[in-house]
PDB file of N, CA and C in Angstrom:
ATOM      1  N   MET A   1      27.204  47.612  62.255  1.00  0.00           N
ATOM      2  CA  MET A   1      25.803  47.781  62.018  1.00  0.00           C
ATOM      3  C   MET A   1      25.561  48.538  60.730  1.00  0.00           C
ATOM      4  N   LEU A   2      24.501  48.121  60.135  1.00  0.00           N
ATOM      5  CA  LEU A   2      24.157  48.767  58.886  1.00  0.00           C
ATOM      6  C   LEU A   2      23.338  50.017  59.165  1.00  0.00           C
ATOM      7  N   GLY A   3      23.586  50.979  58.327  1.00  0.00           N
ATOM      8  CA  GLY A   3      22.819  52.204  58.467  1.00  0.00           C
ATOM      9  C   GLY A   3      21.522  52.101  57.684  1.00  0.00           C
ATOM     10  N   ILE A   4      20.686  53.079  57.871  1.00  0.00           N
ATOM     11  CA  ILE A   4      19.390  53.113  57.215  1.00  0.00           C
ATOM     12  C   ILE A   4      19.579  53.178  55.698  1.00  0.00           C
ATOM     13  N   LYS A   5      20.563  53.919  55.259  1.00  0.00           N
ATOM     14  CA  LYS A   5      20.828  54.032  53.823  1.00  0.00           C
ATOM     15  C   LYS A   5      21.229  52.667  53.256  1.00  0.00           C
ATOM     16  N   ASP A   6      22.076  51.957  54.001  1.00  0.00           N
ATOM     17  CA  ASP A   6      22.500  50.627  53.543  1.00  0.00           C
ATOM     18  C   ASP A   6      21.315  49.655  53.507  1.00  0.00           C
ATOM     19  N   LEU A   7      20.462  49.731  54.529  1.00  0.00           N
ATOM     20  CA  LEU A   7      19.275  48.865  54.558  1.00  0.00           C
ATOM     21  C   LEU A   7      18.334  49.199  53.395  1.00  0.00           C
ATOM     22  N   LYS A   8      18.171  50.484  53.133  1.00  0.00           N
ATOM     23  CA  LYS A   8      17.318  50.905  52.024  1.00  0.00           C
ATOM     24  C   LYS A   8      17.868  50.386  50.708  1.00  0.00           C
ATOM     25  N   LYS A   9      19.194  50.476  50.564  1.00  0.00           N
ATOM     26  CA  LYS A   9      19.846  50.017  49.342  1.00  0.00           C
ATOM     27  C   LYS A   9      19.659  48.511  49.183  1.00  0.00           C
ATOM     28  N   GLU A  10      19.853  47.764  50.239  1.00  0.00           N
ATOM     29  CA  GLU A  10      19.705  46.299  50.181  1.00  0.00           C
ATOM     30  C   GLU A  10      18.256  45.913  49.917  1.00  0.00           C
ATOM     31  N   LEU A  11      17.329  46.632  50.543  1.00  0.00           N
ATOM     32  CA  LEU A  11      15.915  46.365  50.296  1.00  0.00           C
ATOM     33  C   LEU A  11      15.546  46.657  48.840  1.00  0.00           C
ATOM     34  N   ALA A  12      16.108  47.701  48.285  1.00  0.00           N
ATOM     35  CA  ALA A  12      15.850  48.049  46.885  1.00  0.00           C
ATOM     36  C   ALA A  12      16.408  46.956  45.979  1.00  0.00           C
ATOM     37  N   GLU A  13      17.630  46.463  46.302  1.00  0.00           N
ATOM     38  CA  GLU A  13      18.226  45.389  45.505  1.00  0.00           C
ATOM     39  C   GLU A  13      17.399  44.105  45.635  1.00  0.00           C
ATOM     40  N   THR A  14      16.990  43.795  46.848  1.00  0.00           N
ATOM     41  CA  THR A  14      16.166  42.594  47.080  1.00  0.00           C
ATOM     42  C   THR A  14      14.840  42.720  46.339  1.00  0.00           C
ATOM     43  N   ASN A  15      14.261  43.927  46.404  1.00  0.00           N
ATOM     44  CA  ASN A  15      13.001  44.175  45.702  1.00  0.00           C
ATOM     45  C   ASN A  15      13.184  43.989  44.196  1.00  0.00           C
ATOM     46  N   SER A  16      14.294  44.486  43.668  1.00  0.00           N
ATOM     47  CA  SER A  16      14.595  44.362  42.247  1.00  0.00           C
ATOM     48  C   SER A  16      14.779  42.885  41.876  1.00  0.00           C
ATOM     49  N   GLU A  17      15.497  42.145  42.705  1.00  0.00           N
ATOM     50  CA  GLU A  17      15.705  40.700  42.459  1.00  0.00           C
ATOM     51  C   GLU A  17      14.374  39.952  42.523  1.00  0.00           C
ATOM     52  N   MET A  18      13.531  40.306  43.464  1.00  0.00           N
ATOM     53  CA  MET A  18      12.232  39.656  43.609  1.00  0.00           C
ATOM     54  C   MET A  18      11.349  39.922  42.387  1.00  0.00           C
ATOM     55  N   LYS A  19      11.417  41.152  41.863  1.00  0.00           N
ATOM     56  CA  LYS A  19      10.663  41.479  40.663  1.00  0.00           C
ATOM     57  C   LYS A  19      11.170  40.654  39.479  1.00  0.00           C
ATOM     58  N   ALA A  20      12.496  40.519  39.375  1.00  0.00           N
ATOM     59  CA  ALA A  20      13.085  39.732  38.282  1.00  0.00           C
ATOM     60  C   ALA A  20      12.662  38.261  38.408  1.00  0.00           C
ATOM     61  N   ILE A  21      12.694  37.733  39.632  1.00  0.00           N
ATOM     62  CA  ILE A  21      12.271  36.348  39.871  1.00  0.00           C
ATOM     63  C   ILE A  21      10.787  36.194  39.553  1.00  0.00           C
ATOM     64  N   SER A  22       9.991  37.156  39.965  1.00  0.00           N
ATOM     65  CA  SER A  22       8.560  37.128  39.697  1.00  0.00           C
ATOM     66  C   SER A  22       8.294  37.138  38.191  1.00  0.00           C
ATOM     67  N   THR A  23       9.032  37.964  37.456  1.00  0.00           N
ATOM     68  CA  THR A  23       8.893  38.024  35.997  1.00  0.00           C
ATOM     69  C   THR A  23       9.259  36.677  35.372  1.00  0.00           C
ATOM     70  N   GLN A  24      10.344  36.073  35.845  1.00  0.00           N
ATOM     71  CA  GLN A  24      10.762  34.770  35.324  1.00  0.00           C
ATOM     72  C   GLN A  24       9.718  33.685  35.633  1.00  0.00           C
ATOM     73  N   ILE A  25       9.175  33.719  36.839  1.00  0.00           N
ATOM     74  CA  ILE A  25       8.131  32.748  37.220  1.00  0.00           C
ATOM     75  C   ILE A  25       6.899  32.948  36.347  1.00  0.00           C
ATOM     76  N   LEU A  26       6.528  34.178  36.074  1.00  0.00           N
ATOM     77  CA  LEU A  26       5.380  34.468  35.219  1.00  0.00           C
ATOM     78  C   LEU A  26       5.608  33.934  33.802  1.00  0.00           C
ATOM     79  N   LYS A  27       6.822  34.161  33.246  1.00  0.00           N
ATOM     80  CA  LYS A  27       7.141  33.652  31.915  1.00  0.00           C
ATOM     81  C   LYS A  27       7.105  32.116  31.896  1.00  0.00           C
ATOM     82  N   MET A  28       7.644  31.510  32.946  1.00  0.00           N
ATOM     83  CA  MET A  28       7.653  30.056  33.030  1.00  0.00           C
ATOM     84  C   MET A  28       6.216  29.527  33.118  1.00  0.00           C
ATOM     85  N   ALA A  29       5.366  30.183  33.885  1.00  0.00           N
ATOM     86  CA  ALA A  29       3.971  29.773  34.003  1.00  0.00           C
ATOM     87  C   ALA A  29       3.262  29.892  32.651  1.00  0.00           C
ATOM     88  N   GLU A  30       3.537  30.971  31.920  1.00  0.00           N
ATOM     89  CA  GLU A  30       2.944  31.137  30.585  1.00  0.00           C
ATOM     90  C   GLU A  30       3.414  30.021  29.641  1.00  0.00           C
ATOM     91  N   ASN A  31       4.713  29.697  29.690  1.00  0.00           N
ATOM     92  CA  ASN A  31       5.254  28.627  28.851  1.00  0.00           C
ATOM     93  C   ASN A  31       4.638  27.266  29.206  1.00  0.00           C
ATOM     94  N   ILE A  32       4.450  27.024  30.493  1.00  0.00           N
ATOM     95  CA  ILE A  32       3.820  25.773  30.936  1.00  0.00           C
ATOM     96  C   ILE A  32       2.379  25.718  30.441  1.00  0.00           C
ATOM     97  N   LEU A  33       1.684  26.836  30.495  1.00  0.00           N
ATOM     98  CA  LEU A  33       0.311  26.893  30.016  1.00  0.00           C
ATOM     99  C   LEU A  33       0.240  26.608  28.509  1.00  0.00           C
ATOM    100  N   VAL A  34       1.138  27.219  27.745  1.00  0.00           N
ATOM    101  CA  VAL A  34       1.180  26.979  26.290  1.00  0.00           C
ATOM    102  C   VAL A  34       1.505  25.514  26.014  1.00  0.00           C
ATOM    103  N   LEU A  35       2.484  24.975  26.730  1.00  0.00           N
ATOM    104  CA  LEU A  35       2.865  23.574  26.565  1.00  0.00           C
ATOM    105  C   LEU A  35       1.698  22.652  26.899  1.00  0.00           C
ATOM    106  N   SER A  36       0.996  22.973  27.959  1.00  0.00           N
ATOM    107  CA  SER A  36      -0.160  22.175  28.369  1.00  0.00           C
ATOM    108  C   SER A  36      -1.251  22.198  27.296  1.00  0.00           C
ATOM    109  N   LYS A  37      -1.520  23.370  26.733  1.00  0.00           N
ATOM    110  CA  LYS A  37      -2.517  23.485  25.668  1.00  0.00           C
ATOM    111  C   LYS A  37      -2.086  22.696  24.433  1.00  0.00           C
ATOM    112  N   ASP A  38      -0.793  22.808  24.074  1.00  0.00           N
ATOM    113  CA  ASP A  38      -0.284  22.067  22.918  1.00  0.00           C
ATOM    114  C   ASP A  38      -0.393  20.562  23.142  1.00  0.00           C
ATOM    115  N   MET A  39      -0.040  20.107  24.329  1.00  0.00           N
ATOM    116  CA  MET A  39      -0.124  18.675  24.643  1.00  0.00           C
ATOM    117  C   MET A  39      -1.573  18.205  24.607  1.00  0.00           C
ATOM    118  N   SER A  40      -2.469  19.032  25.132  1.00  0.00           N
ATOM    119  CA  SER A  40      -3.886  18.680  25.124  1.00  0.00           C
ATOM    120  C   SER A  40      -4.405  18.563  23.694  1.00  0.00           C
ATOM    121  N   GLY A  41      -4.031  19.506  22.841  1.00  0.00           N
ATOM    122  CA  GLY A  41      -4.435  19.464  21.435  1.00  0.00           C
ATOM    123  C   GLY A  41      -3.857  18.246  20.722  1.00  0.00           C
ATOM    124  N   SER A  42      -2.594  17.953  20.998  1.00  0.00           N
ATOM    125  CA  SER A  42      -1.955  16.782  20.382  1.00  0.00           C
ATOM    126  C   SER A  42      -2.643  15.499  20.820  1.00  0.00           C
ATOM    127  N   MET A  43      -2.961  15.402  22.095  1.00  0.00           N
ATOM    128  CA  MET A  43      -3.647  14.207  22.605  1.00  0.00           C
ATOM    129  C   MET A  43      -5.028  14.068  21.977  1.00  0.00           C
ATOM    130  N   LYS A  44      -5.714  15.179  21.807  1.00  0.00           N
ATOM    131  CA  LYS A  44      -7.041  15.143  21.184  1.00  0.00           C
ATOM    132  C   LYS A  44      -6.926  14.658  19.744  1.00  0.00           C
ATOM    133  N   ASN A  45      -5.953  15.214  18.994  1.00  0.00           N
ATOM    134  CA  ASN A  45      -5.745  14.793  17.606  1.00  0.00           C
ATOM    135  C   ASN A  45      -5.375  13.310  17.524  1.00  0.00           C
ATOM    136  N   MET A  46      -4.508  12.875  18.417  1.00  0.00           N
ATOM    137  CA  MET A  46      -4.087  11.477  18.415  1.00  0.00           C
ATOM    138  C   MET A  46      -5.265  10.564  18.743  1.00  0.00           C
ATOM    139  N   THR A  47      -6.106  10.974  19.669  1.00  0.00           N
ATOM    140  CA  THR A  47      -7.288  10.186  20.017  1.00  0.00           C
ATOM    141  C   THR A  47      -8.224  10.070  18.825  1.00  0.00           C
ATOM    142  N   GLU A  48      -8.425  11.166  18.103  1.00  0.00           N
ATOM    143  CA  GLU A  48      -9.282  11.143  16.919  1.00  0.00           C
ATOM    144  C   GLU A  48      -8.704  10.220  15.851  1.00  0.00           C
ATOM    145  N   GLU A  49      -7.384  10.299  15.635  1.00  0.00           N
ATOM    146  CA  GLU A  49      -6.733   9.440  14.646  1.00  0.00           C
ATOM    147  C   GLU A  49      -6.855   7.969  15.040  1.00  0.00           C
ATOM    148  N   LEU A  50      -6.647   7.675  16.306  1.00  0.00           N
ATOM    149  CA  LEU A  50      -6.774   6.291  16.771  1.00  0.00           C
ATOM    150  C   LEU A  50      -8.204   5.787  16.601  1.00  0.00           C
ATOM    151  N   HIS A  51      -9.157   6.642  16.879  1.00  0.00           N
ATOM    152  CA  HIS A  51     -10.563   6.248  16.701  1.00  0.00           C
ATOM    153  C   HIS A  51     -10.852   5.936  15.231  1.00  0.00           C
ATOM    154  N   GLU A  52     -10.380   6.807  14.332  1.00  0.00           N
ATOM    155  CA  GLU A  52     -10.581   6.573  12.904  1.00  0.00           C
ATOM    156  C   GLU A  52      -9.875   5.297  12.458  1.00  0.00           C
ATOM    157  N   THR A  53      -8.685   5.058  12.983  1.00  0.00           N
ATOM    158  CA  THR A  53      -7.954   3.833  12.654  1.00  0.00           C
ATOM    159  C   THR A  53      -8.718   2.611  13.135  1.00  0.00           C
ATOM    160  N   ASN A  54      -9.237   2.660  14.347  1.00  0.00           N
ATOM    161  CA  ASN A  54     -10.011   1.536  14.887  1.00  0.00           C
ATOM    162  C   ASN A  54     -11.260   1.276  14.054  1.00  0.00           C
ATOM    163  N   VAL A  55     -11.925   2.338  13.637  1.00  0.00           N
ATOM    164  CA  VAL A  55     -13.119   2.180  12.805  1.00  0.00           C
ATOM    165  C   VAL A  55     -12.736   1.538  11.470  1.00  0.00           C
ATOM    166  N   SER A  56     -11.636   2.000  10.877  1.00  0.00           N
ATOM    167  CA  SER A  56     -11.187   1.442   9.596  1.00  0.00           C
ATOM    168  C   SER A  56     -10.827  -0.034   9.744  1.00  0.00           C
ATOM    169  N   ILE A  57     -10.118  -0.378  10.816  1.00  0.00           N
ATOM    170  CA  ILE A  57      -9.744  -1.775  11.049  1.00  0.00           C
ATOM    171  C   ILE A  57     -10.993  -2.626  11.256  1.00  0.00           C
ATOM    172  N   ARG A  58     -11.934  -2.125  12.040  1.00  0.00           N
ATOM    173  CA  ARG A  58     -13.174  -2.866  12.284  1.00  0.00           C
ATOM    174  C   ARG A  58     -13.923  -3.101  10.982  1.00  0.00           C
ATOM    175  N   ASP A  59     -14.050  -2.057  10.160  1.00  0.00           N
ATOM    176  CA  ASP A  59     -14.751  -2.198   8.882  1.00  0.00           C
ATOM    177  C   ASP A  59     -14.024  -3.170   7.957  1.00  0.00           C
ATOM    178  N   SER A  60     -12.704  -3.098   7.947  1.00  0.00           N
ATOM    179  CA  SER A  60     -11.913  -3.998   7.112  1.00  0.00           C
ATOM    180  C   SER A  60     -12.088  -5.440   7.550  1.00  0.00           C
ATOM    181  N   LEU A  61     -12.040  -5.681   8.850  1.00  0.00           N
ATOM    182  CA  LEU A  61     -12.220  -7.044   9.359  1.00  0.00           C
ATOM    183  C   LEU A  61     -13.633  -7.551   9.089  1.00  0.00           C
ATOM    184  N   LYS A  62     -14.604  -6.672   9.202  1.00  0.00           N
ATOM    185  CA  LYS A  62     -15.996  -7.064   8.921  1.00  0.00           C
ATOM    186  C   LYS A  62     -16.141  -7.445   7.451  1.00  0.00           C
ATOM    187  N   THR A  63     -15.567  -6.643   6.558  1.00  0.00           N
ATOM    188  CA  THR A  63     -15.621  -6.935   5.127  1.00  0.00           C
ATOM    189  C   THR A  63     -14.898  -8.247   4.816  1.00  0.00           C
ATOM    190  N   THR A  64     -13.753  -8.456   5.440  1.00  0.00           N
ATOM    191  CA  THR A  64     -13.005  -9.695   5.238  1.00  0.00           C
ATOM    192  C   THR A  64     -13.813 -10.900   5.702  1.00  0.00           C
ATOM    193  N   ALA A  65     -14.431 -10.787   6.852  1.00  0.00           N
ATOM    194  CA  ALA A  65     -15.244 -11.890   7.383  1.00  0.00           C
ATOM    195  C   ALA A  65     -16.433 -12.181   6.466  1.00  0.00           C
ATOM    196  N   GLU A  66     -17.081 -11.137   5.971  1.00  0.00           N
ATOM    197  CA  GLU A  66     -18.214 -11.326   5.064  1.00  0.00           C
ATOM    198  C   GLU A  66     -17.755 -11.991   3.766  1.00  0.00           C
ATOM    199  N   THR A  67     -16.612 -11.560   3.245  1.00  0.00           N
ATOM    200  CA  THR A  67     -16.076 -12.138   2.011  1.00  0.00           C
ATOM    201  C   THR A  67     -15.740 -13.606   2.200  1.00  0.00           C
ATOM    202  N   ILE A  68     -15.102 -13.935   3.322  1.00  0.00           N
ATOM    203  CA  ILE A  68     -14.764 -15.330   3.603  1.00  0.00           C
ATOM    204  C   ILE A  68     -16.032 -16.159   3.743  1.00  0.00           C
ATOM    205  N   GLN A  69     -17.033 -15.621   4.393  1.00  0.00           N
ATOM    206  CA  GLN A  69     -18.302 -16.326   4.558  1.00  0.00           C
ATOM    207  C   GLN A  69     -18.945 -16.604   3.198  1.00  0.00           C
ATOM    208  N   LYS A  70     -18.970 -15.591   2.322  1.00  0.00           N
ATOM    209  CA  LYS A  70     -19.558 -15.770   0.989  1.00  0.00           C
ATOM    210  C   LYS A  70     -18.759 -16.792   0.183  1.00  0.00           C
ATOM    211  N   MET A  71     -17.428 -16.711   0.267  1.00  0.00           N
ATOM    212  CA  MET A  71     -16.588 -17.672  -0.448  1.00  0.00           C
ATOM    213  C   MET A  71     -16.846 -19.085   0.054  1.00  0.00           C
ATOM    214  N   SER A  72     -16.989 -19.240   1.343  1.00  0.00           N
ATOM    215  CA  SER A  72     -17.250 -20.548   1.938  1.00  0.00           C
ATOM    216  C   SER A  72     -18.589 -21.098   1.462  1.00  0.00           C
ATOM    217  N   GLU A  73     -19.611 -20.248   1.459  1.00  0.00           N
ATOM    218  CA  GLU A  73     -20.931 -20.681   1.000  1.00  0.00           C
ATOM    219  C   GLU A  73     -20.891 -21.067  -0.473  1.00  0.00           C
ATOM    220  N   THR A  74     -20.222 -20.250  -1.298  1.00  0.00           N
ATOM    221  CA  THR A  74     -20.113 -20.537  -2.728  1.00  0.00           C
ATOM    222  C   THR A  74     -19.353 -21.844  -2.958  1.00  0.00           C
ATOM    223  N   PHE A  75     -18.253 -22.031  -2.234  1.00  0.00           N
ATOM    224  CA  PHE A  75     -17.472 -23.259  -2.376  1.00  0.00           C
ATOM    225  C   PHE A  75     -18.303 -24.465  -1.964  1.00  0.00           C
ATOM    226  N   SER A  76     -19.040 -24.357  -0.866  1.00  0.00           N
ATOM    227  CA  SER A  76     -19.874 -25.469  -0.401  1.00  0.00           C
ATOM    228  C   SER A  76     -20.937 -25.830  -1.433  1.00  0.00           C
ATOM    229  N   LYS A  77     -21.588 -24.811  -2.002  1.00  0.00           N
ATOM    230  CA  LYS A  77     -22.617 -25.066  -3.021  1.00  0.00           C
ATOM    231  C   LYS A  77     -21.993 -25.702  -4.259  1.00  0.00           C
ATOM    232  N   SER A  78     -20.854 -25.179  -4.692  1.00  0.00           N
ATOM    233  CA  SER A  78     -20.185 -25.730  -5.874  1.00  0.00           C
ATOM    234  C   SER A  78     -19.757 -27.170  -5.637  1.00  0.00           C
ATOM    235  N   LEU A  79     -19.219 -27.439  -4.460  1.00  0.00           N
ATOM    236  CA  LEU A  79     -18.796 -28.796  -4.128  1.00  0.00           C
ATOM    237  C   LEU A  79     -19.998 -29.735  -4.076  1.00  0.00           C
ATOM    238  N   GLU A  80     -21.082 -29.269  -3.498  1.00  0.00           N
ATOM    239  CA  GLU A  80     -22.300 -30.085  -3.425  1.00  0.00           C
ATOM    240  C   GLU A  80     -22.827 -30.384  -4.828  1.00  0.00           C
ATOM    241  N   ASN A  81     -22.847 -29.368  -5.701  1.00  0.00           N
ATOM    242  CA  ASN A  81     -23.295 -29.573  -7.080  1.00  0.00           C
ATOM    243  C   ASN A  81     -22.389 -30.551  -7.817  1.00  0.00           C
ATOM    244  N   ALA A  82     -21.077 -30.403  -7.639  1.00  0.00           N
ATOM    245  CA  ALA A  82     -20.134 -31.312  -8.297  1.00  0.00           C
ATOM    246  C   ALA A  82     -20.325 -32.741  -7.808  1.00  0.00           C
ATOM    247  N   MET A  83     -20.506 -32.910  -6.505  1.00  0.00           N
ATOM    248  CA  MET A  83     -20.714 -34.246  -5.952  1.00  0.00           C
ATOM    249  C   MET A  83     -22.029 -34.848  -6.468  1.00  0.00           C
ATOM    250  N   ASP A  84     -23.077 -34.049  -6.575  1.00  0.00           N
ATOM    251  CA  ASP A  84     -24.353 -34.522  -7.120  1.00  0.00           C
ATOM    252  C   ASP A  84     -24.190 -34.969  -8.570  1.00  0.00           C
ATOM    253  N   LYS A  85     -23.481 -34.165  -9.378  1.00  0.00           N
ATOM    254  CA  LYS A  85     -23.265 -34.514 -10.783  1.00  0.00           C
ATOM    255  C   LYS A  85     -22.444 -35.790 -10.903  1.00  0.00           C
ATOM    256  N   MET A  86     -21.417 -35.918 -10.066  1.00  0.00           N
ATOM    257  CA  MET A  86     -20.587 -37.126 -10.100  1.00  0.00           C
ATOM    258  C   MET A  86     -21.409 -38.351  -9.701  1.00  0.00           C
ATOM    259  N   ALA A  87     -22.250 -38.235  -8.707  1.00  0.00           N
ATOM    260  CA  ALA A  87     -23.096 -39.343  -8.273  1.00  0.00           C
ATOM    261  C   ALA A  87     -24.083 -39.714  -9.375  1.00  0.00           C
ATOM    262  N   HIS A  88     -24.642 -38.684 -10.030  1.00  0.00           N
ATOM    263  CA  HIS A  88     -25.590 -38.931 -11.119  1.00  0.00           C
ATOM    264  C   HIS A  88     -24.898 -39.630 -12.296  1.00  0.00           C
ATOM    265  N   MET A  89     -23.701 -39.152 -12.637  1.00  0.00           N
ATOM    266  CA  MET A  89     -22.947 -39.778 -13.724  1.00  0.00           C
ATOM    267  C   MET A  89     -22.601 -41.221 -13.379  1.00  0.00           C
ATOM    268  N   SER A  90     -22.211 -41.465 -12.137  1.00  0.00           N
ATOM    269  CA  SER A  90     -21.870 -42.819 -11.700  1.00  0.00           C
ATOM    270  C   SER A  90     -23.090 -43.733 -11.806  1.00  0.00           C
ATOM    271  N   MET A  91     -24.252 -43.212 -11.427  1.00  0.00           N
ATOM    272  CA  MET A  91     -25.478 -44.003 -11.536  1.00  0.00           C
ATOM    273  C   MET A  91     -25.793 -44.307 -12.993  1.00  0.00           C
ATOM    274  N   GLU A  92     -25.616 -43.313 -13.891  1.00  0.00           N
ATOM    275  CA  GLU A  92     -25.864 -43.531 -15.317  1.00  0.00           C
ATOM    276  C   GLU A  92     -24.949 -44.614 -15.876  1.00  0.00           C
ATOM    277  N   VAL A  93     -23.673 -44.560 -15.523  1.00  0.00           N
ATOM    278  CA  VAL A  93     -22.712 -45.557 -16.002  1.00  0.00           C
ATOM    279  C   VAL A  93     -23.098 -46.931 -15.477  1.00  0.00           C
ATOM    280  N   ASN A  94     -23.452 -47.008 -14.200  1.00  0.00           N
ATOM    281  CA  ASN A  94     -23.844 -48.302 -13.612  1.00  0.00           C
ATOM    282  C   ASN A  94     -25.105 -48.850 -14.275  1.00  0.00           C
ATOM    283  N   ILE A  95     -26.073 -47.972 -14.565  1.00  0.00           N
ATOM    284  CA  ILE A  95     -27.314 -48.399 -15.224  1.00  0.00           C
ATOM    285  C   ILE A  95     -27.004 -48.897 -16.633  1.00  0.00           C
ATOM    286  N   LYS A  96     -26.145 -48.169 -17.369  1.00  0.00           N
ATOM    287  CA  LYS A  96     -25.790 -48.596 -18.731  1.00  0.00           C
ATOM    288  C   LYS A  96     -25.085 -49.944 -18.693  1.00  0.00           C
ATOM    289  N   ASP A  97     -24.142 -50.114 -17.752  1.00  0.00           N
ATOM    290  CA  ASP A  97     -23.438 -51.391 -17.638  1.00  0.00           C
ATOM    291  C   ASP A  97     -24.401 -52.518 -17.300  1.00  0.00           C
ATOM    292  N   THR A  98     -25.330 -52.231 -16.383  1.00  0.00           N
ATOM    293  CA  THR A  98     -26.305 -53.246 -15.974  1.00  0.00           C
ATOM    294  C   THR A  98     -27.198 -53.626 -17.156  1.00  0.00           C
ATOM    295  N   LEU A  99     -27.651 -52.623 -17.920  1.00  0.00           N
ATOM    296  CA  LEU A  99     -28.485 -52.903 -19.093  1.00  0.00           C
ATOM    297  C   LEU A  99     -27.727 -53.715 -20.138  1.00  0.00           C
ATOM    298  N   LEU A 100     -26.479 -53.320 -20.390  1.00  0.00           N
ATOM    299  CA  LEU A 100     -25.689 -54.052 -21.375  1.00  0.00           C
ATOM    300  C   LEU A 100     -25.474 -55.499 -20.939  1.00  0.00           C
ATOM    301  N   LYS A 101     -25.200 -55.692 -19.659  1.00  0.00           N
ATOM    302  CA  LYS A 101     -24.996 -57.049 -19.146  1.00  0.00           C
ATOM    303  C   LYS A 101     -26.285 -57.851 -19.204  1.00  0.00           C
ATOM    304  N   SER A 102     -27.410 -57.233 -18.847  1.00  0.00           N
ATOM    305  CA  SER A 102     -28.681 -57.961 -18.836  1.00  0.00           C
ATOM    306  C   SER A 102     -29.148 -58.308 -20.247  1.00  0.00           C
ATOM    307  N   LEU A 103     -28.776 -57.495 -21.220  1.00  0.00           N
ATOM    308  CA  LEU A 103     -29.154 -57.778 -22.609  1.00  0.00           C
ATOM    309  C   LEU A 103     -28.139 -58.694 -23.291  1.00  0.00           C
ATOM    310  N   GLY A 104     -27.036 -58.966 -22.609  1.00  0.00           N
ATOM    311  CA  GLY A 104     -26.017 -59.830 -23.181  1.00  0.00           C
ATOM    312  C   GLY A 104     -25.152 -59.133 -24.203  1.00  0.00           C
ATOM    313  N   LEU A 105     -25.173 -57.792 -24.204  1.00  0.00           N
ATOM    314  CA  LEU A 105     -24.379 -57.016 -25.170  1.00  0.00           C
ATOM    315  C   LEU A 105     -23.054 -56.553 -24.580  1.00  0.00           C
ATOM    316  N   ASP A 106     -22.770 -56.984 -23.394  1.00  0.00           N
ATOM    317  CA  ASP A 106     -21.586 -56.505 -22.672  1.00  0.00           C
ATOM    318  C   ASP A 106     -20.297 -56.793 -23.433  1.00  0.00           C
ATOM    319  N   ASN A 107     -20.193 -57.953 -24.013  1.00  0.00           N
ATOM    320  CA  ASN A 107     -18.951 -58.337 -24.684  1.00  0.00           C
ATOM    321  C   ASN A 107     -18.899 -57.857 -26.125  1.00  0.00           C
ATOM    322  N   LEU A 108     -19.987 -57.354 -26.674  1.00  0.00           N
ATOM    323  CA  LEU A 108     -20.010 -56.907 -28.067  1.00  0.00           C
ATOM    324  C   LEU A 108     -19.423 -55.512 -28.262  1.00  0.00           C
ATOM    325  N   ILE A 109     -19.499 -54.663 -27.229  1.00  0.00           N
ATOM    326  CA  ILE A 109     -19.012 -53.282 -27.334  1.00  0.00           C
ATOM    327  C   ILE A 109     -17.577 -53.254 -26.794  1.00  0.00           C
ATOM    328  N   PRO A 110     -16.631 -52.744 -27.591  1.00  0.00           N
ATOM    329  CA  PRO A 110     -15.246 -52.666 -27.107  1.00  0.00           C
ATOM    330  C   PRO A 110     -15.153 -51.704 -25.905  1.00  0.00           C
ATOM    331  N   ASP A 111     -14.166 -51.946 -25.049  1.00  0.00           N
ATOM    332  CA  ASP A 111     -14.008 -51.153 -23.819  1.00  0.00           C
ATOM    333  C   ASP A 111     -13.772 -49.676 -24.081  1.00  0.00           C
ATOM    334  N   PHE A 112     -13.054 -49.337 -25.172  1.00  0.00           N
ATOM    335  CA  PHE A 112     -12.740 -47.934 -25.403  1.00  0.00           C
ATOM    336  C   PHE A 112     -13.970 -47.120 -25.814  1.00  0.00           C
ATOM    337  N   LEU A 113     -15.055 -47.791 -26.215  1.00  0.00           N
ATOM    338  CA  LEU A 113     -16.290 -47.084 -26.546  1.00  0.00           C
ATOM    339  C   LEU A 113     -17.208 -46.907 -25.353  1.00  0.00           C
ATOM    340  N   LYS A 114     -16.921 -47.640 -24.300  1.00  0.00           N
ATOM    341  CA  LYS A 114     -17.762 -47.538 -23.103  1.00  0.00           C
ATOM    342  C   LYS A 114     -17.364 -46.298 -22.295  1.00  0.00           C
ATOM    343  N   LYS A 115     -18.351 -45.585 -21.772  1.00  0.00           N
ATOM    344  CA  LYS A 115     -18.068 -44.414 -20.909  1.00  0.00           C
ATOM    345  C   LYS A 115     -17.900 -44.886 -19.486  1.00  0.00           C
ATOM    346  N   LYS A 116     -16.900 -44.387 -18.889  1.00  0.00           N
ATOM    347  CA  LYS A 116     -16.659 -44.719 -17.469  1.00  0.00           C
ATOM    348  C   LYS A 116     -16.637 -43.455 -16.665  1.00  0.00           C
TER     349      LYS A 116
END
């Protein structure tokens, strides 16, 4: 059987060990709290960066779409103008040929002088 002195000694040792464990748990809790705050800050920063990236991508795609639309409209207008000019030129050539044929001058003008 243990005596009172031995029990007191063991209780003192147990108390000392419990204090050491309590101190370690407190330090670990503080470290977890710091880690949690750091992770929260990092997540917030990453969210802000992702938001800015998404905004930049959206603006870039919008600008690209607008540019393509303008290019398409310009190309369509240019093509329409070119086709109109070609049709007009073709009509002029046909009218000149018809006039030359109707006046009987068709064979008098050499081919290399005729516009086609």
